[in-house]
Amino acid sequence: MTTPGAPHPLSRPAHSTAQSHRVFPTTPESVVDVVIVGGGAAGLSAAVVLGRARRSVVVVDGGAPRNAPASGVHSFLTRDGLSPAELVRLGQDEARGYGVTVVSGQAVDTQRSAEGFTVTLGTGATVVGRRLVVATGLVDELPPVPGLADRWGRDVLHCPYCHGWEVRGQAIGILGVGPTSVHQALLFRQWSDDVTLFLHSGMLDTGGTLDERHGPTETEWEQLAARGIGVIIGPVESLVVQQDALTGVRLASGRVIPVQALVVAPTFTARTEFLAGLGVRSSPHPMGVGTHLETDDTGRVLSAGAVVPGVWAAGNAGNLMAQVVGAAAAGLSVATAINADLVQEEVALAVERYRRPFSAEAEARTTIAVLGERRHGVGAARQEERS
């Protein structure tokens, strides 16, 4: 493992020499340029970019990535099938190679301070930074069907682009709980000819029969029929698992329908509780699929439509639909925006100091202009005369 502050193993000699003279904070109490809360793809990607920009960075890693139950990440160029834990390990090593400090802990509070932001961890320790990145992701809240949580990320799925290839050609069930369920059924039909839509609680009335207000529209019924997607009306009571594999779903009537994979639409809840001290809270997503942080095009967090100075979001906290590679890309984008923001602030401060008539910098400039090399002393001046 690369030690904090050491040159990156893949860097060129010139880069390594520059890095070896840098001193990065190594304790959570140090004031750093950027605090990143969240140690997944988005947070670590931002950390690497900022580390390469010679910024001091602390990443607070809660150790509970959303995709932990999955066997591997997919649709990530050169990383297809890599386990989520291994992706995090590699990302942490890469970030540390650029001087980034990774702190294990759960952020529980954030307050604005003179230096920028003070993030308090569950242990009581604090991390202070000039800028803040929210990369905490989201929580998938599953429908209350016994067995769903145990199979989540294995044969209970959500995203066809994450897991569709792994269940191609299998008997796939869609748990219909809301307006996106028909869309899911039509999507997964691309990966299998055997797709069944179960019209479950969100699409039924209290008596367990179809609620026309929440069920498929006439157009959707036609689309389902045209694609050969079966539809079963009635609540799903439980899953049938044999030899650690999903084999079917049991309806409230007792009937068992064979399926090898079950697709659900979770409620997405952004992890933002620790931002309450800043007056920032997540908002309902316009698609009705959960809550998220509102951001502008650069990733700056918005509250009541106004920019929250110094706070950016990357990954699923702001974009509920982002896959791993998209979250990593968002981390890069946010990192470049933050570095530009810091540069702008530092230039403004430098210009202010430059203009002060009685500052140390101004006195040095005056001394050089009036005395030239003689400012180094009389001996130096006499040596200059003899020469």
Protein backbone atom coordinates (compact mmCIF):
# COMPACT_ATOMS: atom_id res chain seq x y z
CA MET A 1 0.00 0.00 0.00
CA THR A 2 1.28 3.46 -0.86
CA THR A 3 1.98 5.67 2.13
CA PRO A 4 0.33 9.11 2.43
CA GLY A 5 2.32 11.82 0.67
CA ALA A 6 4.42 9.36 -1.34
CA PRO A 7 4.69 9.76 -5.13
CA HIS A 8 2.23 7.78 -7.17
CA PRO A 9 3.85 4.58 -8.47
CA LEU A 10 2.81 5.33 -12.06
CA SER A 11 3.92 8.96 -12.05
CA ARG A 12 6.85 10.28 -14.04
CA PRO A 13 10.11 11.22 -12.24
CA ALA A 14 9.46 14.96 -12.54
CA HIS A 15 6.05 14.52 -10.93
CA SER A 16 7.53 12.33 -8.19
CA THR A 17 10.15 14.93 -7.31
CA ALA A 18 7.52 17.64 -6.94
CA GLN A 19 5.32 15.42 -4.81
CA SER A 20 8.14 14.47 -2.44
CA HIS A 21 8.40 18.07 -1.17
CA ARG A 22 4.73 18.38 -0.36
CA VAL A 23 3.38 17.99 3.15
CA PHE A 24 -0.22 16.85 3.44
CA PRO A 25 -2.26 16.91 6.65
CA THR A 26 -2.40 13.43 8.13
CA THR A 27 -4.82 13.98 11.02
CA PRO A 28 -8.57 14.63 10.88
CA GLU A 29 -8.10 17.85 12.90
CA SER A 30 -6.01 19.52 10.18
CA VAL A 31 -7.55 22.19 7.99
CA VAL A 32 -7.49 20.97 4.40
CA ASP A 33 -8.54 22.35 1.06
CA VAL A 34 -11.37 19.87 0.55
CA VAL A 35 -13.31 17.46 2.75
CA ILE A 36 -15.05 14.71 0.80
CA VAL A 37 -17.77 12.83 2.67
CA GLY A 38 -18.24 9.49 0.97
CA GLY A 39 -15.57 7.03 -0.11
CA GLY A 40 -17.15 5.36 -3.13
CA ALA A 41 -16.49 5.88 -6.82
CA ALA A 42 -17.60 9.53 -6.83
CA GLY A 43 -15.71 10.56 -3.70
CA LEU A 44 -12.48 8.74 -4.53
CA SER A 45 -12.52 9.98 -8.12
CA ALA A 46 -12.82 13.56 -6.86
CA ALA A 47 -10.05 12.89 -4.35
CA VAL A 48 -7.64 11.63 -7.02
CA VAL A 49 -8.25 14.63 -9.27
CA LEU A 50 -7.83 17.09 -6.40
CA GLY A 51 -4.74 15.29 -5.13
CA ARG A 52 -3.20 15.55 -8.58
CA ALA A 53 -4.01 19.26 -8.46
CA ARG A 54 -1.80 19.49 -5.34
CA ARG A 55 -4.76 20.02 -3.04
CA SER A 56 -4.88 18.71 0.51
CA VAL A 57 -7.85 16.36 0.79
CA VAL A 58 -9.51 14.24 3.47
CA VAL A 59 -12.02 11.56 2.47
CA VAL A 60 -14.47 10.43 5.15
CA ASP A 61 -15.45 6.86 4.32
CA GLY A 62 -18.51 5.46 6.07
CA GLY A 63 -17.71 1.95 4.86
CA ALA A 64 -21.23 1.14 3.63
CA PRO A 65 -21.30 1.46 -0.17
CA ARG A 66 -24.67 1.08 -1.83
CA ASN A 67 -23.44 -1.64 -4.18
CA ALA A 68 -21.76 -3.77 -1.49
CA PRO A 69 -24.18 -6.74 -1.99
CA ALA A 70 -23.34 -6.98 -5.70
CA SER A 71 -20.74 -9.49 -6.86
CA GLY A 72 -19.20 -6.99 -9.27
CA VAL A 73 -19.52 -3.65 -11.01
CA HIS A 74 -20.40 -3.62 -14.70
CA SER A 75 -20.35 -1.29 -17.70
CA PHE A 76 -17.18 0.27 -16.25
CA LEU A 77 -14.47 0.21 -18.91
CA THR A 78 -11.49 -2.01 -17.86
CA ARG A 79 -13.15 -2.75 -14.49
CA ASP A 80 -16.03 -5.00 -15.55
CA GLY A 81 -16.79 -7.64 -12.92
CA LEU A 82 -14.50 -6.13 -10.28
CA SER A 83 -16.00 -6.47 -6.81
CA PRO A 84 -17.19 -3.22 -5.19
CA ALA A 85 -14.83 -3.77 -2.26
CA GLU A 86 -11.84 -4.19 -4.57
CA LEU A 87 -12.79 -1.08 -6.52
CA VAL A 88 -12.79 0.91 -3.28
CA ARG A 89 -9.47 -0.59 -2.18
CA LEU A 90 -7.80 0.27 -5.48
CA GLY A 91 -9.34 3.74 -5.42
CA GLN A 92 -8.09 4.41 -1.91
CA ASP A 93 -4.57 3.29 -2.80
CA GLU A 94 -4.58 5.50 -5.87
CA ALA A 95 -5.84 8.50 -3.89
CA ARG A 96 -3.26 7.98 -1.15
CA GLY A 97 -0.59 7.97 -3.83
CA TYR A 98 -1.43 11.63 -4.39
CA GLY A 99 -1.35 12.52 -0.71
CA VAL A 100 -5.04 12.10 0.07
CA THR A 101 -5.94 11.09 3.63
CA VAL A 102 -8.75 8.55 4.04
CA VAL A 103 -10.54 8.56 7.40
CA SER A 104 -12.95 5.80 8.43
CA GLY A 105 -16.08 7.13 10.09
CA GLN A 106 -19.64 8.31 9.74
CA ALA A 107 -20.32 12.01 9.25
CA VAL A 108 -23.10 13.06 11.63
CA ASP A 109 -23.03 16.86 11.47
CA THR A 110 -21.65 19.73 9.40
CA GLN A 111 -21.32 23.36 10.45
CA ARG A 112 -19.99 26.37 8.62
CA SER A 113 -16.84 27.69 10.32
CA ALA A 114 -14.27 30.44 9.87
CA GLU A 115 -12.09 28.07 7.84
CA GLY A 116 -14.99 26.77 5.74
CA PHE A 117 -16.72 23.66 7.07
CA THR A 118 -16.37 21.52 10.17
CA VAL A 119 -17.59 17.95 9.70
CA THR A 120 -18.17 15.97 12.89
CA LEU A 121 -17.87 12.20 12.87
CA GLY A 122 -19.74 9.71 15.00
CA THR A 123 -16.64 9.31 17.17
CA GLY A 124 -16.66 13.03 18.00
CA ALA A 125 -13.61 13.72 15.83
CA THR A 126 -13.82 16.65 13.44
CA VAL A 127 -12.51 17.33 9.94
CA VAL A 128 -12.17 20.92 8.76
CA GLY A 129 -11.95 21.98 5.13
CA ARG A 130 -12.33 25.01 2.90
CA ARG A 131 -14.70 23.20 0.55
CA LEU A 132 -17.08 20.25 0.97
CA VAL A 133 -18.03 17.44 -1.41
CA VAL A 134 -21.10 15.32 -0.66
CA ALA A 135 -20.52 11.88 -2.17
CA THR A 136 -22.52 9.82 0.31
CA GLY A 137 -24.75 8.15 -2.27
CA LEU A 138 -28.18 6.83 -1.42
CA VAL A 139 -30.05 4.08 0.37
CA ASP A 140 -32.27 1.66 -1.57
CA GLU A 141 -35.51 1.23 0.38
CA LEU A 142 -37.07 -2.01 -0.83
CA PRO A 143 -40.77 -2.92 -0.87
CA PRO A 144 -41.82 -4.82 2.28
CA VAL A 145 -41.77 -8.33 0.81
CA PRO A 146 -40.11 -11.01 2.96
CA GLY A 147 -36.82 -12.16 1.47
CA LEU A 148 -36.17 -9.21 -0.84
CA ALA A 149 -33.39 -7.68 1.24
CA ASP A 150 -31.57 -11.03 1.59
CA ARG A 151 -31.41 -11.46 -2.19
CA TRP A 152 -30.76 -7.79 -3.05
CA GLY A 153 -27.90 -7.34 -5.50
CA ARG A 154 -27.84 -11.06 -6.29
CA ASP A 155 -31.05 -12.22 -7.98
CA VAL A 156 -33.24 -9.36 -6.77
CA LEU A 157 -32.20 -6.53 -9.07
CA HIS A 158 -32.99 -3.04 -10.22
CA CYS A 159 -30.80 -1.85 -13.09
CA PRO A 160 -30.69 -3.75 -16.41
CA TYR A 161 -27.38 -2.12 -17.36
CA CYS A 162 -25.83 -3.30 -14.09
CA HIS A 163 -27.18 -6.86 -14.05
CA GLY A 164 -29.12 -7.53 -17.25
CA TRP A 165 -26.34 -9.52 -18.92
CA GLU A 166 -26.00 -11.79 -15.89
CA VAL A 167 -29.71 -12.79 -16.07
CA ARG A 168 -30.01 -12.88 -19.85
CA GLY A 169 -32.37 -15.56 -21.12
CA GLN A 170 -33.69 -16.35 -17.64
CA ALA A 171 -37.24 -16.16 -16.31
CA ILE A 172 -37.42 -12.58 -15.03
CA GLY A 173 -40.18 -11.19 -12.84
CA ILE A 174 -40.94 -7.49 -12.40
CA LEU A 175 -42.46 -6.49 -9.06
CA GLY A 176 -44.95 -3.82 -10.05
CA VAL A 177 -45.09 -1.18 -7.33
CA GLY A 178 -45.49 2.07 -9.23
CA PRO A 179 -45.39 4.04 -12.47
CA THR A 180 -41.88 2.91 -13.45
CA SER A 181 -42.67 -0.81 -13.30
CA VAL A 182 -44.04 -1.09 -16.84
CA HIS A 183 -40.95 0.72 -18.08
CA GLN A 184 -38.77 -1.81 -16.24
CA ALA A 185 -40.66 -4.71 -17.80
CA LEU A 186 -40.22 -3.30 -21.30
CA LEU A 187 -36.52 -2.70 -20.68
CA PHE A 188 -35.74 -6.16 -19.29
CA ARG A 189 -37.55 -7.72 -22.25
CA GLN A 190 -34.37 -6.86 -24.18
CA TRP A 191 -32.45 -9.38 -22.07
CA SER A 192 -35.03 -12.18 -21.97
CA ASP A 193 -38.06 -13.49 -23.83
CA ASP A 194 -39.52 -14.71 -20.52
CA VAL A 195 -40.65 -11.63 -18.58
CA THR A 196 -43.63 -11.44 -16.21
CA LEU A 197 -44.98 -8.27 -14.63
CA PHE A 198 -46.55 -8.81 -11.19
CA LEU A 199 -48.99 -6.00 -10.41
CA HIS A 200 -48.21 -5.66 -6.70
CA SER A 201 -49.28 -3.38 -3.84
CA GLY A 202 -48.58 0.01 -5.42
CA MET A 203 -50.85 -0.85 -8.35
CA LEU A 204 -53.67 -2.56 -6.43
CA ASP A 205 -56.50 -1.36 -4.23
CA THR A 206 -56.95 -2.46 -0.62
CA GLY A 207 -58.83 -5.54 -1.76
CA GLY A 208 -55.92 -6.75 -3.86
CA THR A 209 -57.56 -6.05 -7.21
CA LEU A 210 -56.21 -3.78 -9.92
CA ASP A 211 -56.49 -0.05 -9.23
CA GLU A 212 -57.16 1.48 -12.63
CA ARG A 213 -55.70 4.80 -11.47
CA HIS A 214 -52.28 3.27 -10.79
CA GLY A 215 -52.20 0.31 -13.15
CA PRO A 216 -50.95 0.29 -16.73
CA THR A 217 -52.52 2.70 -19.19
CA GLU A 218 -54.24 1.46 -22.33
CA THR A 219 -51.11 2.23 -24.31
CA GLU A 220 -48.96 0.31 -21.83
CA TRP A 221 -51.27 -2.71 -21.90
CA GLU A 222 -50.86 -2.79 -25.66
CA GLN A 223 -47.08 -2.46 -25.40
CA LEU A 224 -46.88 -5.30 -22.88
CA ALA A 225 -48.99 -7.55 -25.09
CA ALA A 226 -47.01 -6.68 -28.20
CA ARG A 227 -43.76 -7.65 -26.49
CA GLY A 228 -45.16 -10.88 -25.09
CA ILE A 229 -44.79 -9.83 -21.45
CA GLY A 230 -47.07 -11.74 -19.10
CA VAL A 231 -49.06 -9.85 -16.48
CA ILE A 232 -50.28 -11.32 -13.18
CA ILE A 233 -52.59 -9.31 -10.94
CA GLY A 234 -52.25 -9.93 -7.22
CA PRO A 235 -49.82 -9.22 -4.39
CA VAL A 236 -46.56 -11.12 -4.04
CA GLU A 237 -46.34 -12.60 -0.56
CA SER A 238 -42.79 -13.98 -0.47
CA LEU A 239 -39.86 -15.37 -2.44
CA VAL A 240 -39.10 -19.01 -3.02
CA VAL A 241 -35.40 -19.79 -2.59
CA GLN A 242 -33.81 -23.20 -3.06
CA GLN A 243 -30.11 -23.99 -2.66
CA ASP A 244 -29.32 -20.29 -2.28
CA ALA A 245 -30.97 -19.37 -5.58
CA LEU A 246 -34.26 -17.66 -6.35
CA THR A 247 -36.65 -20.09 -8.01
CA GLY A 248 -40.01 -18.33 -7.79
CA VAL A 249 -42.40 -15.92 -6.11
CA ARG A 250 -45.37 -16.96 -4.01
CA LEU A 251 -48.56 -14.97 -4.45
CA ALA A 252 -51.00 -14.21 -1.65
CA SER A 253 -53.24 -16.89 -3.18
CA GLY A 254 -50.51 -19.47 -2.54
CA ARG A 255 -49.70 -19.92 -6.21
CA VAL A 256 -45.98 -20.07 -7.02
CA ILE A 257 -44.72 -18.53 -10.26
CA PRO A 258 -41.25 -19.69 -11.37
CA VAL A 259 -38.72 -16.85 -11.77
CA GLN A 260 -34.93 -16.82 -11.60
CA ALA A 261 -34.56 -13.08 -11.11
CA LEU A 262 -36.89 -10.47 -9.67
CA VAL A 263 -36.68 -6.80 -10.60
CA VAL A 264 -37.86 -4.19 -8.12
CA ALA A 265 -38.06 -0.40 -8.05
CA PRO A 266 -36.67 0.79 -4.71
CA THR A 267 -37.33 4.16 -3.19
CA PHE A 268 -34.04 6.06 -3.47
CA THR A 269 -33.17 8.08 -0.38
CA ALA A 270 -30.11 10.33 -0.55
CA ARG A 271 -27.85 10.19 2.50
CA THR A 272 -27.86 13.84 3.54
CA GLU A 273 -28.79 13.92 7.23
CA PHE A 274 -25.36 15.25 8.22
CA LEU A 275 -26.01 18.45 6.23
CA ALA A 276 -28.87 19.65 8.45
CA GLY A 277 -26.49 22.02 10.26
CA LEU A 278 -26.05 23.88 6.97
CA GLY A 279 -29.79 24.08 6.43
CA VAL A 280 -29.48 21.66 3.51
CA ARG A 281 -31.99 18.86 3.05
CA SER A 282 -32.76 16.50 0.22
CA SER A 283 -35.77 17.20 -1.99
CA PRO A 284 -38.34 14.93 -3.64
CA HIS A 285 -37.13 13.79 -7.04
CA PRO A 286 -39.29 15.06 -9.92
CA MET A 287 -39.81 11.48 -11.16
CA GLY A 288 -41.28 10.47 -7.81
CA VAL A 289 -38.64 7.82 -7.17
CA GLY A 290 -37.20 9.18 -3.92
CA THR A 291 -35.17 12.10 -2.62
CA HIS A 292 -31.98 13.75 -3.85
CA LEU A 293 -29.81 16.83 -3.47
CA GLU A 294 -30.61 19.51 -6.00
CA THR A 295 -27.53 20.80 -7.82
CA ASP A 296 -26.63 23.14 -10.64
CA ASP A 297 -24.81 22.05 -13.80
CA THR A 298 -21.41 22.14 -12.08
CA GLY A 299 -22.54 20.05 -9.11
CA ARG A 300 -22.93 22.91 -6.64
CA VAL A 301 -25.62 22.07 -4.09
CA LEU A 302 -28.79 24.15 -4.14
CA SER A 303 -31.11 24.94 -1.25
CA ALA A 304 -34.47 26.54 -2.05
CA GLY A 305 -33.09 27.23 -5.51
CA ALA A 306 -30.02 29.13 -4.25
CA VAL A 307 -26.41 27.95 -4.38
CA VAL A 308 -24.98 26.80 -1.05
CA PRO A 309 -21.50 28.38 -1.14
CA GLY A 310 -18.64 25.93 -0.97
CA VAL A 311 -20.69 22.71 -1.18
CA TRP A 312 -20.75 20.33 -4.16
CA ALA A 313 -22.39 16.93 -4.67
CA ALA A 314 -21.20 14.04 -6.84
CA GLY A 315 -22.68 10.63 -7.53
CA ASN A 316 -26.00 9.22 -6.38
CA ALA A 317 -26.62 11.85 -3.70
CA GLY A 318 -27.47 14.25 -6.51
CA ASN A 319 -28.06 11.92 -9.46
CA LEU A 320 -30.16 8.95 -8.38
CA MET A 321 -29.72 7.20 -11.72
CA ALA A 322 -25.91 7.36 -11.97
CA GLN A 323 -24.10 4.04 -12.32
CA VAL A 324 -20.61 3.53 -10.92
CA VAL A 325 -18.78 4.89 -13.95
CA GLY A 326 -21.13 7.88 -14.07
CA ALA A 327 -20.53 8.57 -10.39
CA ALA A 328 -16.77 8.47 -10.98
CA ALA A 329 -17.14 10.89 -13.89
CA ALA A 330 -19.20 13.23 -11.70
CA GLY A 331 -16.44 13.15 -9.09
CA LEU A 332 -13.92 14.27 -11.71
CA SER A 333 -16.19 17.07 -12.92
CA VAL A 334 -16.89 18.37 -9.43
CA ALA A 335 -13.20 18.22 -8.51
CA THR A 336 -12.20 20.42 -11.45
CA ALA A 337 -14.92 22.93 -10.53
CA ILE A 338 -13.72 23.05 -6.92
CA ASN A 339 -10.09 23.51 -7.88
CA ALA A 340 -11.06 26.38 -10.19
CA ASP A 341 -13.09 27.92 -7.37
CA LEU A 342 -10.15 27.67 -4.97
CA VAL A 343 -7.76 29.13 -7.55
CA GLN A 344 -10.10 32.07 -8.07
CA GLU A 345 -10.24 32.69 -4.32
CA GLU A 346 -6.47 32.42 -3.95
CA VAL A 347 -5.81 34.81 -6.84
CA ALA A 348 -8.17 37.37 -5.31
CA LEU A 349 -6.37 37.13 -1.96
CA ALA A 350 -2.97 37.41 -3.63
CA VAL A 351 -4.03 40.53 -5.51
CA GLU A 352 -5.39 42.05 -2.29
CA ARG A 353 -2.07 41.45 -0.50
CA TYR A 354 -0.16 42.76 -3.50
CA ARG A 355 -2.06 46.04 -3.38
CA ARG A 356 -1.56 46.71 0.34
CA PRO A 357 0.90 49.65 0.63
CA PHE A 358 2.43 48.57 3.95
CA SER A 359 2.40 44.81 3.58
CA ALA A 360 5.58 42.72 3.76
CA GLU A 361 5.23 42.01 0.06
CA ALA A 362 4.93 45.71 -0.78
CA GLU A 363 8.00 46.59 1.33
CA ALA A 364 10.02 43.90 -0.40
CA ARG A 365 9.06 45.24 -3.83
CA THR A 366 10.01 48.80 -2.77
CA THR A 367 13.36 47.66 -1.40
CA ILE A 368 14.21 45.89 -4.64
CA ALA A 369 13.21 48.92 -6.72
CA VAL A 370 15.25 51.42 -4.64
CA LEU A 371 18.32 49.45 -3.55
CA GLY A 372 18.58 46.68 -6.10
CA GLU A 373 21.37 44.27 -5.16
CA ARG A 374 22.58 46.67 -2.46
CA ARG A 375 19.71 45.51 -0.28
CA HIS A 376 21.86 42.48 0.60
CA GLY A 377 24.31 44.64 2.60
CA VAL A 378 27.20 47.08 2.42
CA GLY A 379 29.73 44.34 1.73
CA ALA A 380 27.78 43.22 -1.27
CA ALA A 381 27.60 46.83 -2.52
CA ARG A 382 31.40 47.32 -2.20
CA GLN A 383 32.03 44.04 -3.95
CA GLU A 384 29.79 45.32 -6.74
CA GLU A 385 31.83 48.58 -6.95
CA ARG A 386 35.18 46.73 -7.15
CA SER A 387 33.85 44.60 -9.94
